[in-house]
Protein backbone atom coordinates (compact mmCIF):
# COMPACT_ATOMS: atom_id res chain seq x y z
CA MET A 1 259.82 127.93 97.39
CA ARG A 2 260.44 124.02 97.80
CA ALA A 3 260.74 121.43 95.20
CA SER A 4 259.10 117.96 95.04
CA PRO A 5 259.73 115.20 92.89
CA VAL A 6 256.54 114.12 90.73
CA ALA A 7 256.34 111.16 88.94
CA ILE A 8 255.11 111.37 85.28
CA ALA A 9 254.83 108.95 82.31
CA ALA A 10 257.19 109.19 79.70
CA LEU A 11 257.00 107.46 75.90
CA THR A 12 260.55 105.99 75.02
CA CYS A 13 261.54 106.02 71.65
CA SER A 14 261.22 102.25 71.43
CA GLY A 15 257.20 103.06 72.42
CA ALA A 16 257.37 101.80 75.98
CA VAL A 17 255.97 104.00 78.86
CA ARG A 18 258.44 104.31 81.88
CA SER A 19 257.95 106.58 84.76
CA ILE A 20 260.19 109.32 85.22
CA GLU A 21 260.72 111.86 88.25
CA ILE A 22 261.04 115.78 87.78
CA LEU A 23 261.41 118.09 90.33
CA MET A 24 258.49 120.80 90.71
CA THR A 25 258.32 124.06 92.91
CA SER A 26 254.98 124.47 94.97
CA SER A 27 254.19 127.28 92.47
CA GLU A 28 254.30 124.96 89.73
CA GLN A 29 252.34 122.58 91.35
CA LEU A 30 249.80 125.01 92.25
CA ALA A 31 249.77 126.41 88.61
CA THR A 32 249.15 122.93 87.37
CA TYR A 33 246.79 122.08 89.87
CA LEU A 34 244.61 125.05 89.28
CA ASN A 35 244.94 124.94 85.37
CA ASP A 36 243.75 121.25 85.77
CA HIS A 37 240.63 122.62 87.21
CA VAL A 38 240.43 125.59 84.77
CA ALA A 39 240.72 122.72 82.11
CA GLY A 40 238.05 120.89 83.54
CA SER A 41 235.61 123.72 83.98
CA THR A 42 235.78 124.43 80.27
CA ALA A 43 235.10 120.98 79.26
CA ALA A 44 231.61 121.38 81.68
CA ARG A 45 230.84 124.72 80.05
CA ASP A 46 231.11 123.25 76.78
CA LEU A 47 229.10 120.09 77.62
CA LEU A 48 226.42 122.43 79.38
CA GLN A 49 226.12 124.56 76.43
CA ARG A 50 225.50 121.81 74.05
CA SER A 51 223.11 120.07 76.56
CA ALA A 52 221.13 123.05 76.97
CA GLU A 53 220.85 123.45 73.34
CA LYS A 54 219.49 120.06 72.98
CA ALA A 55 216.93 120.47 75.82
CA ALA A 56 215.88 123.79 74.81
CA GLY A 57 212.25 124.41 75.68
CA THR A 58 212.01 122.02 78.59
CA ALA A 59 212.65 122.32 82.24
CA LEU A 60 215.72 120.37 81.89
CA GLY A 61 216.79 122.98 79.03
CA GLU A 62 216.07 125.80 81.69
CA PHE A 63 217.62 124.04 84.69
CA LEU A 64 220.98 123.53 82.34
CA THR A 65 220.96 126.97 81.19
CA SER A 66 220.88 128.24 84.88
CA LEU A 67 223.45 125.78 85.84
CA LEU A 68 225.72 127.02 83.01
CA GLU A 69 225.56 130.52 84.35
CA GLU A 70 226.60 129.42 87.75
CA ILE A 71 229.42 127.44 86.19
CA GLU A 72 230.57 130.31 84.47
CA THR A 73 230.73 132.34 87.65
CA ASP A 74 232.76 129.69 89.55
CA ARG A 75 234.90 129.87 86.69
CA SER A 76 235.45 133.52 86.97
CA GLU A 77 235.92 133.10 90.80
CA LEU A 78 238.63 130.57 90.17
CA GLN A 79 240.21 132.67 87.37
CA SER A 80 240.33 135.80 89.68
CA ILE A 81 241.84 133.31 92.70
CA MET A 82 244.61 132.45 89.97
CA ARG A 83 245.33 136.01 89.29
CA ARG A 84 245.76 136.54 93.02
CA LEU A 85 248.15 133.78 93.26
CA ASP A 86 250.04 135.24 90.20
CA VAL A 87 248.96 131.91 88.28
CA GLY A 88 248.63 132.20 84.46
CA GLU A 89 246.00 130.34 82.51
CA ARG A 90 247.53 127.61 80.11
CA SER A 91 245.59 127.89 77.10
CA LEU A 92 246.88 124.46 75.84
CA LYS A 93 245.08 123.14 79.28
CA GLN A 94 241.97 125.07 78.40
CA ALA A 95 242.18 123.73 74.88
CA ALA A 96 242.53 120.01 76.33
CA GLY A 97 239.24 120.69 78.23
CA SER A 98 237.43 121.52 75.15
CA VAL A 99 238.94 118.72 73.00
CA MET A 100 238.12 116.00 76.14
CA GLU A 101 234.28 117.47 75.79
CA ARG A 102 234.24 117.37 72.01
CA LEU A 103 235.35 113.69 71.96
CA SER A 104 232.57 112.73 74.32
CA ARG A 105 230.21 113.91 71.58
CA PHE A 106 231.07 110.66 69.64
CA LYS A 107 229.60 108.59 72.06
CA PHE A 108 226.66 110.97 73.04
CA GLU A 109 225.58 111.76 69.45
CA THR A 110 225.74 108.08 68.61
CA PHE A 111 223.23 107.41 71.29
CA ASP A 112 220.88 110.15 69.97
CA GLU A 113 221.24 108.83 66.73
CA ASP A 114 220.07 105.63 67.78
CA GLY A 115 217.23 106.89 69.90
CA GLY A 116 219.06 107.10 72.94
CA ALA A 117 218.58 110.77 74.08
CA ALA A 118 217.32 110.23 77.38
CA LEU A 119 220.46 108.21 78.07
CA ASN A 120 222.47 110.54 76.52
CA ARG A 121 221.00 113.29 79.26
CA LEU A 122 221.73 110.98 81.82
CA LEU A 123 225.12 110.30 81.21
CA GLU A 124 225.87 113.82 80.43
CA LEU A 125 224.35 114.96 84.00
CA GLU A 126 226.81 112.12 85.34
CA SER A 127 229.61 113.90 83.91
CA VAL A 128 228.49 117.18 85.13
CA LEU A 129 228.07 115.80 88.61
CA MET A 130 231.55 114.50 88.66
CA GLY A 131 232.90 117.68 87.48
CA ILE A 132 230.93 119.64 90.27
CA GLU A 133 232.21 116.98 92.66
CA GLY A 134 235.93 117.95 91.65
CA LYS A 135 235.30 121.61 92.33
CA ALA A 136 233.83 121.07 95.61
CA ALA A 137 237.35 119.42 96.42
CA LEU A 138 239.06 122.53 94.84
CA TRP A 139 237.15 124.99 97.25
CA GLY A 140 237.97 122.60 100.04
CA THR A 141 241.89 122.57 99.06
CA LEU A 142 242.02 126.17 98.49
CA LYS A 143 240.37 126.77 101.78
CA VAL A 144 243.20 125.01 103.41
CA LEU A 145 245.69 126.90 101.49
CA ALA A 146 244.16 130.16 102.53
CA SER A 147 245.00 129.70 106.11
CA THR A 148 248.80 130.07 104.74
CA GLU A 149 248.37 132.17 102.12
CA PRO A 150 247.29 135.78 102.76
CA ARG A 151 246.58 136.42 98.84
CA ILE A 152 243.17 134.50 99.01
CA ALA A 153 242.74 134.47 102.94
CA ASP A 154 239.91 136.40 102.42
CA VAL A 155 237.87 134.43 99.90
CA ASP A 156 234.85 132.90 101.21
CA PHE A 157 235.39 129.28 100.29
CA ASP A 158 232.58 128.21 102.57
CA ARG A 159 230.01 129.93 100.27
CA LEU A 160 231.58 128.33 97.18
CA GLY A 161 231.64 124.87 98.88
CA ASP A 162 227.94 125.30 99.86
CA ARG A 163 227.04 126.21 96.19
CA ALA A 164 228.98 123.60 94.78
CA ARG A 165 226.86 121.47 96.81
CA LYS A 166 223.74 122.71 96.09
CA GLN A 167 224.46 122.52 92.33
CA GLN A 168 225.17 118.54 93.07
CA GLU A 169 221.86 118.41 94.74
CA ALA A 170 220.03 119.99 91.73
CA VAL A 171 222.03 117.67 89.25
CA GLU A 172 221.27 114.70 90.92
CA ARG A 173 217.42 115.55 91.30
CA HIS A 174 217.30 115.96 87.42
CA ARG A 175 219.53 113.18 86.64
CA LEU A 176 217.23 110.75 88.79
CA ALA A 177 214.35 112.25 86.96
CA LEU A 178 215.92 110.72 83.86
CA VAL A 179 216.26 107.21 85.04
CA PRO A 180 212.81 106.11 83.98
CA ASP A 181 213.13 107.34 80.18
CA ALA A 182 216.57 106.18 79.84
CA LEU A 183 216.77 102.89 81.43
CA VAL A 184 213.28 101.35 81.63
């Protein structure tokens, strides 16, 4: 197991931010990477739940509910891969994902109160779209790792990547359909 330097920002006692270098093993780096993606999936799940509730009874609400189920499936796939790789889930990272989503509510709920519900849906879908793009990158990264990691060599990362691309296309169609109401 090799160790690599990783630069992190540190806050000094005087309040100044400075960069420090720490050594992380490759397994620690993998754990950090995977847990960051679990945190992202937590934020996406929470955002989709809230968005689907707001759009309940509409075609968008049905789509978001269906997408939420797919995101949960993808999240379970990631958690299974983490178990295969003996990477534990860090509850603090998942909590950070939930907090991040909750903080976004301040902006979105302010727009809702001001009559900007369509703009909110547009921004929410853009956030989801960015998350799915990150997930597609994750599957591509793990596909490369699988060529040297026998514990995940049998995972069909092409299937997972294809599903992410289909999700991106569907979200983009719904996002573009919101533009006239949101911005015109």
